[in-house]
């Protein structure tokens, strides 16, 4: 679980506004318009070796964006029966439907960090509300959830 991050020079140029971010346990939502650097911030948290990242616990980091949901990727982030279901559904479903499958099938444990880039994309207000409730439920397991979104 991440407590805060100070962005490296490369990411400072991509993220508008702050250059140091504090994350709390539970559900954290990064809100901003297109081009404000939300995706760059998530990528910095996930794997930038030059950003100064402080962690409270050693947990697993999982990052999902629209490219992760692409069923034609060469890497397979999903394994087993559930992975096969996700990949087949992704070929015939929207990004939002695939994201719902991911959230339903993956198991999260205390100390893990889930990074999601616009999981509400392509959904109406009712589905956005359901997704947010689901993310809040995941965060109650002790998993930190950090979401980039356009929707306050």
N, C-alpha and C. Protein backbone atom coordinates (compact mmCIF):
# COMPACT_ATOMS: atom_id res chain seq x y z
N UNK A 1 0.86 -1.17 0.00
CA UNK A 1 0.00 0.00 0.00
C UNK A 1 0.90 1.23 0.00
N UNK A 2 0.58 2.17 -0.85
CA UNK A 2 1.40 3.37 -0.98
C UNK A 2 0.86 4.47 -0.05
N UNK A 3 1.78 5.18 0.61
CA UNK A 3 1.34 6.29 1.45
C UNK A 3 1.52 7.62 0.72
N UNK A 4 2.62 7.78 -0.02
CA UNK A 4 2.78 8.99 -0.83
C UNK A 4 3.85 8.77 -1.90
N UNK A 5 3.84 9.68 -2.87
CA UNK A 5 4.80 9.62 -3.96
C UNK A 5 5.23 11.05 -4.31
N UNK A 6 6.52 11.19 -4.54
CA UNK A 6 7.07 12.44 -5.07
C UNK A 6 7.50 12.13 -6.50
N UNK A 7 6.97 12.87 -7.45
CA UNK A 7 7.19 12.56 -8.86
C UNK A 7 8.62 12.90 -9.30
N UNK A 8 9.14 12.07 -10.19
CA UNK A 8 10.44 12.32 -10.80
C UNK A 8 10.29 13.45 -11.83
N UNK A 9 11.41 13.89 -12.36
CA UNK A 9 11.39 15.00 -13.32
C UNK A 9 10.53 14.68 -14.54
N UNK A 10 10.63 13.46 -15.04
CA UNK A 10 9.86 13.07 -16.24
C UNK A 10 8.36 13.15 -15.96
N UNK A 11 7.91 12.62 -14.81
CA UNK A 11 6.48 12.62 -14.51
C UNK A 11 5.99 14.00 -14.06
N UNK A 12 6.86 14.82 -13.50
CA UNK A 12 6.47 16.19 -13.14
C UNK A 12 6.00 16.95 -14.37
N UNK A 13 6.63 16.69 -15.51
CA UNK A 13 6.23 17.37 -16.74
C UNK A 13 4.92 16.87 -17.32
N UNK A 14 4.50 15.69 -16.90
CA UNK A 14 3.27 15.10 -17.45
C UNK A 14 2.05 15.29 -16.56
N UNK A 15 2.27 15.55 -15.26
CA UNK A 15 1.17 15.68 -14.31
C UNK A 15 1.02 17.16 -13.95
N UNK A 16 -0.14 17.72 -14.23
CA UNK A 16 -0.40 19.13 -13.94
C UNK A 16 -0.74 19.31 -12.46
N UNK A 17 -0.29 20.40 -11.90
CA UNK A 17 -0.61 20.68 -10.49
C UNK A 17 0.46 20.15 -9.57
N UNK A 18 0.05 19.45 -8.54
CA UNK A 18 0.97 18.96 -7.50
C UNK A 18 2.06 18.06 -8.07
N UNK A 19 3.13 17.98 -7.34
CA UNK A 19 4.23 17.08 -7.71
C UNK A 19 4.46 16.03 -6.63
N UNK A 20 3.68 16.11 -5.56
CA UNK A 20 3.74 15.15 -4.46
C UNK A 20 2.29 14.81 -4.08
N UNK A 21 2.00 13.52 -3.98
CA UNK A 21 0.64 13.08 -3.71
C UNK A 21 0.63 12.17 -2.49
N UNK A 22 -0.38 12.35 -1.65
CA UNK A 22 -0.57 11.51 -0.47
C UNK A 22 -1.80 10.65 -0.72
N UNK A 23 -1.66 9.36 -0.44
CA UNK A 23 -2.78 8.43 -0.60
C UNK A 23 -3.12 7.82 0.74
N UNK A 24 -4.40 7.70 0.99
CA UNK A 24 -4.87 7.12 2.24
C UNK A 24 -5.25 5.66 2.00
N UNK A 25 -5.33 4.88 3.05
CA UNK A 25 -5.89 3.52 2.87
C UNK A 25 -7.33 3.66 2.38
N UNK A 26 -7.83 2.67 1.71
CA UNK A 26 -9.20 2.74 1.21
C UNK A 26 -9.27 3.27 -0.20
N UNK A 27 -10.37 3.95 -0.50
CA UNK A 27 -10.65 4.43 -1.85
C UNK A 27 -10.14 5.85 -2.05
N UNK A 28 -9.28 6.04 -3.05
CA UNK A 28 -8.73 7.34 -3.43
C UNK A 28 -9.14 7.60 -4.87
N UNK A 29 -9.70 8.77 -5.16
CA UNK A 29 -10.14 9.08 -6.51
C UNK A 29 -9.41 10.33 -7.00
N UNK A 30 -8.72 10.20 -8.13
CA UNK A 30 -8.02 11.31 -8.77
C UNK A 30 -8.94 11.82 -9.86
N UNK A 31 -9.38 13.06 -9.75
CA UNK A 31 -10.35 13.61 -10.69
C UNK A 31 -9.69 14.72 -11.50
N UNK A 32 -9.90 14.71 -12.81
CA UNK A 32 -9.37 15.77 -13.65
C UNK A 32 -9.78 15.57 -15.09
N UNK A 33 -9.63 16.62 -15.88
CA UNK A 33 -10.00 16.53 -17.31
C UNK A 33 -8.96 15.76 -18.11
N UNK A 34 -9.28 15.47 -19.36
CA UNK A 34 -8.31 14.84 -20.27
C UNK A 34 -7.04 15.67 -20.31
N UNK A 35 -5.90 14.98 -20.31
CA UNK A 35 -4.63 15.66 -20.43
C UNK A 35 -4.06 16.23 -19.15
N UNK A 36 -4.73 16.00 -18.02
CA UNK A 36 -4.23 16.57 -16.76
C UNK A 36 -3.17 15.71 -16.09
N UNK A 37 -2.96 14.50 -16.59
CA UNK A 37 -1.89 13.65 -16.05
C UNK A 37 -2.35 12.54 -15.13
N UNK A 38 -3.64 12.23 -15.12
CA UNK A 38 -4.14 11.16 -14.23
C UNK A 38 -3.50 9.82 -14.55
N UNK A 39 -3.45 9.46 -15.83
CA UNK A 39 -2.85 8.20 -16.25
C UNK A 39 -1.36 8.19 -15.94
N UNK A 40 -0.67 9.29 -16.19
CA UNK A 40 0.76 9.37 -15.89
C UNK A 40 1.02 9.18 -14.40
N UNK A 41 0.15 9.72 -13.56
CA UNK A 41 0.29 9.54 -12.11
C UNK A 41 0.14 8.07 -11.74
N UNK A 42 -0.88 7.40 -12.28
CA UNK A 42 -1.06 5.98 -11.99
C UNK A 42 0.14 5.16 -12.45
N UNK A 43 0.64 5.46 -13.63
CA UNK A 43 1.81 4.74 -14.15
C UNK A 43 3.04 4.98 -13.28
N UNK A 44 3.20 6.20 -12.77
CA UNK A 44 4.31 6.51 -11.87
C UNK A 44 4.20 5.70 -10.58
N UNK A 45 3.00 5.63 -10.04
CA UNK A 45 2.78 4.85 -8.82
C UNK A 45 3.08 3.38 -9.08
N UNK A 46 2.66 2.89 -10.24
CA UNK A 46 2.78 1.46 -10.55
C UNK A 46 4.22 1.02 -10.78
N UNK A 47 4.97 1.76 -11.60
CA UNK A 47 6.27 1.17 -11.96
C UNK A 47 7.42 2.13 -12.24
N UNK A 48 7.33 3.39 -11.88
CA UNK A 48 8.45 4.28 -12.18
C UNK A 48 9.56 4.12 -11.13
N UNK A 49 10.74 3.69 -11.54
CA UNK A 49 11.83 3.51 -10.58
C UNK A 49 12.43 4.84 -10.11
N UNK A 50 12.15 5.94 -10.84
CA UNK A 50 12.74 7.23 -10.49
C UNK A 50 11.87 8.07 -9.57
N UNK A 51 10.58 7.77 -9.50
CA UNK A 51 9.71 8.49 -8.57
C UNK A 51 9.97 7.97 -7.16
N UNK A 52 9.85 8.86 -6.20
CA UNK A 52 10.09 8.50 -4.80
C UNK A 52 8.78 8.02 -4.18
N UNK A 53 8.64 6.71 -4.09
CA UNK A 53 7.39 6.09 -3.62
C UNK A 53 7.61 5.54 -2.22
N UNK A 54 6.69 5.86 -1.31
CA UNK A 54 6.76 5.37 0.06
C UNK A 54 5.59 4.43 0.30
N UNK A 55 5.91 3.23 0.77
CA UNK A 55 4.90 2.21 0.99
C UNK A 55 4.79 1.91 2.48
N UNK A 56 3.55 1.64 2.92
CA UNK A 56 3.32 1.25 4.31
C UNK A 56 3.53 -0.25 4.49
N UNK A 57 3.07 -1.01 3.53
CA UNK A 57 3.13 -2.47 3.59
C UNK A 57 3.63 -3.00 2.26
N UNK A 58 4.16 -4.18 2.29
CA UNK A 58 4.52 -4.86 1.05
C UNK A 58 3.28 -5.60 0.56
N UNK A 59 2.67 -5.09 -0.45
CA UNK A 59 1.50 -5.74 -1.04
C UNK A 59 1.67 -5.77 -2.54
N UNK A 60 0.77 -6.45 -3.18
CA UNK A 60 0.81 -6.56 -4.64
C UNK A 60 0.16 -5.33 -5.27
N UNK A 61 0.76 -4.83 -6.36
CA UNK A 61 0.20 -3.72 -7.12
C UNK A 61 -0.41 -4.28 -8.39
N UNK A 62 -1.64 -3.86 -8.70
CA UNK A 62 -2.30 -4.26 -9.94
C UNK A 62 -2.80 -3.01 -10.63
N UNK A 63 -2.50 -2.91 -11.92
CA UNK A 63 -2.84 -1.72 -12.68
C UNK A 63 -3.67 -2.13 -13.89
N UNK A 64 -4.83 -1.49 -14.05
CA UNK A 64 -5.70 -1.79 -15.17
C UNK A 64 -6.11 -0.49 -15.85
N UNK A 65 -5.93 -0.50 -17.18
CA UNK A 65 -6.40 0.60 -18.02
C UNK A 65 -6.99 -0.01 -19.27
N UNK A 66 -7.37 0.81 -20.21
CA UNK A 66 -8.03 0.27 -21.41
C UNK A 66 -7.09 -0.65 -22.19
N UNK A 67 -5.79 -0.40 -22.18
CA UNK A 67 -4.86 -1.28 -22.89
C UNK A 67 -4.70 -2.62 -22.18
N UNK A 68 -4.75 -2.61 -20.86
CA UNK A 68 -4.69 -3.86 -20.11
C UNK A 68 -5.87 -4.76 -20.48
N UNK A 69 -7.00 -4.13 -20.78
CA UNK A 69 -8.22 -4.88 -21.11
C UNK A 69 -8.23 -5.35 -22.55
N UNK A 70 -7.24 -4.95 -23.35
CA UNK A 70 -7.18 -5.34 -24.75
C UNK A 70 -6.94 -6.85 -24.86
N UNK A 71 -7.87 -7.60 -25.41
CA UNK A 71 -7.71 -9.06 -25.47
C UNK A 71 -6.62 -9.51 -26.43
N UNK A 72 -6.10 -8.62 -27.24
CA UNK A 72 -5.09 -9.00 -28.23
C UNK A 72 -3.67 -8.71 -27.75
N UNK A 73 -3.50 -8.35 -26.51
CA UNK A 73 -2.16 -8.11 -25.96
C UNK A 73 -1.39 -9.41 -25.93
N UNK A 74 -0.08 -9.30 -26.04
CA UNK A 74 0.74 -10.51 -26.01
C UNK A 74 0.92 -11.03 -24.59
N UNK A 75 1.02 -10.13 -23.60
CA UNK A 75 1.12 -10.60 -22.22
C UNK A 75 -0.26 -10.99 -21.74
N UNK A 76 -0.32 -11.93 -20.83
CA UNK A 76 -1.62 -12.31 -20.30
C UNK A 76 -1.66 -12.02 -18.81
N UNK A 77 -2.29 -10.89 -18.41
CA UNK A 77 -2.33 -10.55 -16.99
C UNK A 77 -3.31 -11.43 -16.20
N UNK A 78 -4.12 -12.21 -16.90
CA UNK A 78 -5.12 -13.04 -16.24
C UNK A 78 -4.84 -14.50 -16.54
N UNK A 79 -4.92 -15.32 -15.56
CA UNK A 79 -4.61 -16.73 -15.71
C UNK A 79 -5.82 -17.60 -15.38
N UNK A 80 -5.77 -18.85 -15.78
CA UNK A 80 -6.78 -19.83 -15.42
C UNK A 80 -8.12 -19.59 -16.09
N UNK A 81 -9.14 -20.20 -15.50
CA UNK A 81 -10.50 -20.14 -16.05
C UNK A 81 -11.00 -18.70 -16.08
N UNK A 82 -10.82 -17.97 -14.98
CA UNK A 82 -11.30 -16.60 -14.93
C UNK A 82 -10.58 -15.73 -15.95
N UNK A 83 -9.29 -15.95 -16.14
CA UNK A 83 -8.53 -15.21 -17.15
C UNK A 83 -9.06 -15.47 -18.54
N UNK A 84 -9.39 -16.72 -18.82
CA UNK A 84 -9.94 -17.06 -20.14
C UNK A 84 -11.29 -16.39 -20.35
N UNK A 85 -12.12 -16.38 -19.33
CA UNK A 85 -13.43 -15.73 -19.43
C UNK A 85 -13.26 -14.25 -19.70
N UNK A 86 -12.36 -13.61 -18.97
CA UNK A 86 -12.13 -12.17 -19.15
C UNK A 86 -11.65 -11.88 -20.56
N UNK A 87 -10.70 -12.66 -21.06
CA UNK A 87 -10.14 -12.40 -22.39
C UNK A 87 -11.17 -12.63 -23.50
N UNK A 88 -11.98 -13.67 -23.39
CA UNK A 88 -13.01 -13.92 -24.41
C UNK A 88 -14.07 -12.83 -24.36
N UNK A 89 -14.53 -12.48 -23.17
CA UNK A 89 -15.55 -11.43 -23.06
C UNK A 89 -15.01 -10.10 -23.57
N UNK A 90 -13.71 -9.84 -23.35
CA UNK A 90 -13.13 -8.57 -23.79
C UNK A 90 -13.17 -8.42 -25.31
N UNK A 91 -13.16 -9.54 -26.03
CA UNK A 91 -13.23 -9.47 -27.49
C UNK A 91 -14.59 -8.99 -27.98
N UNK A 92 -15.63 -9.21 -27.18
CA UNK A 92 -16.99 -8.92 -27.62
C UNK A 92 -17.70 -7.89 -26.74
N UNK A 93 -17.01 -7.36 -25.76
CA UNK A 93 -17.64 -6.46 -24.80
C UNK A 93 -16.95 -5.11 -24.79
N UNK A 94 -17.58 -4.18 -24.12
CA UNK A 94 -16.99 -2.85 -23.96
C UNK A 94 -15.92 -2.89 -22.87
N UNK A 95 -15.14 -1.83 -22.82
CA UNK A 95 -14.12 -1.68 -21.78
C UNK A 95 -14.78 -1.77 -20.39
N UNK A 96 -15.91 -1.11 -20.23
CA UNK A 96 -16.61 -1.11 -18.94
C UNK A 96 -17.07 -2.49 -18.51
N UNK A 97 -17.62 -3.25 -19.45
CA UNK A 97 -18.06 -4.61 -19.11
C UNK A 97 -16.88 -5.49 -18.74
N UNK A 98 -15.77 -5.33 -19.45
CA UNK A 98 -14.58 -6.11 -19.14
C UNK A 98 -14.05 -5.73 -17.76
N UNK A 99 -14.06 -4.44 -17.44
CA UNK A 99 -13.61 -3.99 -16.12
C UNK A 99 -14.48 -4.59 -15.03
N UNK A 100 -15.78 -4.68 -15.25
CA UNK A 100 -16.66 -5.30 -14.26
C UNK A 100 -16.26 -6.75 -14.03
N UNK A 101 -15.92 -7.47 -15.12
CA UNK A 101 -15.48 -8.86 -14.97
C UNK A 101 -14.20 -8.95 -14.16
N UNK A 102 -13.26 -8.06 -14.44
CA UNK A 102 -11.99 -8.06 -13.70
C UNK A 102 -12.25 -7.87 -12.21
N UNK A 103 -13.06 -6.88 -11.88
CA UNK A 103 -13.33 -6.60 -10.48
C UNK A 103 -14.08 -7.74 -9.80
N UNK A 104 -14.87 -8.47 -10.55
CA UNK A 104 -15.61 -9.59 -9.98
C UNK A 104 -14.72 -10.80 -9.74
N UNK A 105 -13.78 -11.07 -10.63
CA UNK A 105 -12.99 -12.30 -10.56
C UNK A 105 -11.71 -12.21 -9.76
N UNK A 106 -11.11 -11.01 -9.70
CA UNK A 106 -9.83 -10.90 -8.99
C UNK A 106 -10.04 -10.91 -7.49
N UNK A 107 -9.11 -11.50 -6.78
CA UNK A 107 -9.14 -11.53 -5.33
C UNK A 107 -8.14 -10.51 -4.80
N UNK A 108 -8.57 -9.72 -3.84
CA UNK A 108 -7.72 -8.69 -3.26
C UNK A 108 -7.52 -9.01 -1.79
N UNK A 109 -6.32 -8.70 -1.31
CA UNK A 109 -6.04 -8.94 0.10
C UNK A 109 -5.53 -7.67 0.75
N UNK A 110 -5.53 -7.66 2.05
CA UNK A 110 -5.07 -6.50 2.80
C UNK A 110 -3.65 -6.14 2.39
N UNK A 111 -3.41 -4.87 2.16
CA UNK A 111 -2.10 -4.40 1.77
C UNK A 111 -1.89 -4.27 0.27
N UNK A 112 -2.78 -4.87 -0.54
CA UNK A 112 -2.67 -4.74 -1.99
C UNK A 112 -3.08 -3.33 -2.42
N UNK A 113 -2.61 -2.92 -3.59
CA UNK A 113 -3.01 -1.64 -4.18
C UNK A 113 -3.56 -1.91 -5.57
N UNK A 114 -4.77 -1.46 -5.81
CA UNK A 114 -5.43 -1.59 -7.11
C UNK A 114 -5.47 -0.22 -7.75
N UNK A 115 -4.85 -0.09 -8.93
CA UNK A 115 -4.81 1.15 -9.68
C UNK A 115 -5.71 1.00 -10.91
N UNK A 116 -6.71 1.86 -11.03
CA UNK A 116 -7.67 1.76 -12.13
C UNK A 116 -7.74 3.08 -12.89
N UNK A 117 -7.56 2.99 -14.19
CA UNK A 117 -7.64 4.18 -15.03
C UNK A 117 -9.01 4.22 -15.70
N UNK A 118 -9.85 5.10 -15.24
CA UNK A 118 -11.19 5.35 -15.77
C UNK A 118 -12.06 4.08 -15.89
N UNK A 119 -12.31 3.41 -14.76
CA UNK A 119 -13.16 2.22 -14.83
C UNK A 119 -14.61 2.54 -15.18
N UNK A 120 -15.00 3.81 -15.06
CA UNK A 120 -16.39 4.19 -15.35
C UNK A 120 -16.61 4.57 -16.81
N UNK A 121 -15.55 4.52 -17.62
CA UNK A 121 -15.66 4.94 -19.02
C UNK A 121 -16.77 4.17 -19.74
N UNK A 122 -17.62 4.90 -20.41
CA UNK A 122 -18.68 4.28 -21.20
C UNK A 122 -19.90 3.85 -20.40
N UNK A 123 -20.01 4.29 -19.17
CA UNK A 123 -21.15 3.90 -18.34
C UNK A 123 -22.03 5.10 -18.04
N UNK A 124 -23.31 4.83 -17.80
CA UNK A 124 -24.20 5.90 -17.38
C UNK A 124 -24.07 6.09 -15.87
N UNK A 125 -24.79 7.09 -15.34
CA UNK A 125 -24.66 7.43 -13.93
C UNK A 125 -24.99 6.25 -13.02
N UNK A 126 -26.00 5.47 -13.37
CA UNK A 126 -26.40 4.33 -12.53
C UNK A 126 -25.25 3.32 -12.41
N UNK A 127 -24.59 3.01 -13.53
CA UNK A 127 -23.47 2.06 -13.49
C UNK A 127 -22.26 2.67 -12.79
N UNK A 128 -22.03 3.96 -12.97
CA UNK A 128 -20.92 4.62 -12.27
C UNK A 128 -21.12 4.47 -10.76
N UNK A 129 -22.34 4.68 -10.32
CA UNK A 129 -22.66 4.54 -8.90
C UNK A 129 -22.40 3.11 -8.42
N UNK A 130 -22.80 2.13 -9.22
CA UNK A 130 -22.58 0.72 -8.85
C UNK A 130 -21.09 0.38 -8.81
N UNK A 131 -20.35 0.90 -9.77
CA UNK A 131 -18.90 0.65 -9.80
C UNK A 131 -18.25 1.27 -8.57
N UNK A 132 -18.62 2.49 -8.24
CA UNK A 132 -18.03 3.14 -7.06
C UNK A 132 -18.36 2.36 -5.79
N UNK A 133 -19.58 1.85 -5.68
CA UNK A 133 -19.94 1.05 -4.50
C UNK A 133 -19.09 -0.22 -4.45
N UNK A 134 -18.87 -0.84 -5.61
CA UNK A 134 -18.03 -2.03 -5.67
C UNK A 134 -16.60 -1.74 -5.28
N UNK A 135 -16.07 -0.59 -5.73
CA UNK A 135 -14.70 -0.21 -5.38
C UNK A 135 -14.59 0.08 -3.88
N UNK A 136 -15.62 0.70 -3.32
CA UNK A 136 -15.63 0.95 -1.88
C UNK A 136 -15.64 -0.38 -1.11
N UNK A 137 -16.37 -1.34 -1.63
CA UNK A 137 -16.42 -2.66 -0.99
C UNK A 137 -15.06 -3.35 -1.05
N UNK A 138 -14.38 -3.25 -2.19
CA UNK A 138 -13.03 -3.82 -2.32
C UNK A 138 -12.09 -3.15 -1.32
N UNK A 139 -12.21 -1.84 -1.18
CA UNK A 139 -11.32 -1.12 -0.27
C UNK A 139 -11.57 -1.51 1.19
N UNK A 140 -12.75 -1.98 1.51
CA UNK A 140 -13.05 -2.41 2.88
C UNK A 140 -12.35 -3.71 3.25
N UNK A 141 -11.80 -4.41 2.26
CA UNK A 141 -11.04 -5.64 2.55
C UNK A 141 -9.62 -5.31 3.00
N UNK A 142 -9.27 -4.01 3.01
CA UNK A 142 -7.91 -3.61 3.36
C UNK A 142 -7.06 -3.35 2.14
N UNK A 143 -7.66 -3.47 0.96
CA UNK A 143 -6.97 -3.18 -0.30
C UNK A 143 -7.11 -1.69 -0.59
N UNK A 144 -6.01 -1.04 -0.90
CA UNK A 144 -6.04 0.37 -1.28
C UNK A 144 -6.46 0.45 -2.75
N UNK A 145 -7.39 1.33 -3.05
CA UNK A 145 -7.87 1.51 -4.42
C UNK A 145 -7.60 2.95 -4.83
N UNK A 146 -6.88 3.12 -5.95
CA UNK A 146 -6.59 4.46 -6.49
C UNK A 146 -7.17 4.50 -7.90
N UNK A 147 -8.13 5.41 -8.11
CA UNK A 147 -8.88 5.47 -9.36
C UNK A 147 -8.68 6.83 -10.03
N UNK A 148 -8.41 6.83 -11.32
CA UNK A 148 -8.40 8.06 -12.11
C UNK A 148 -9.76 8.16 -12.79
N UNK A 149 -10.38 9.35 -12.71
CA UNK A 149 -11.74 9.49 -13.23
C UNK A 149 -12.00 10.90 -13.70
N UNK A 150 -13.00 11.04 -14.57
CA UNK A 150 -13.53 12.34 -14.97
C UNK A 150 -14.74 12.70 -14.13
N UNK A 151 -15.28 11.74 -13.40
CA UNK A 151 -16.57 11.90 -12.71
C UNK A 151 -16.38 12.19 -11.23
N UNK A 152 -16.74 13.39 -10.79
CA UNK A 152 -16.65 13.68 -9.34
C UNK A 152 -17.70 12.91 -8.56
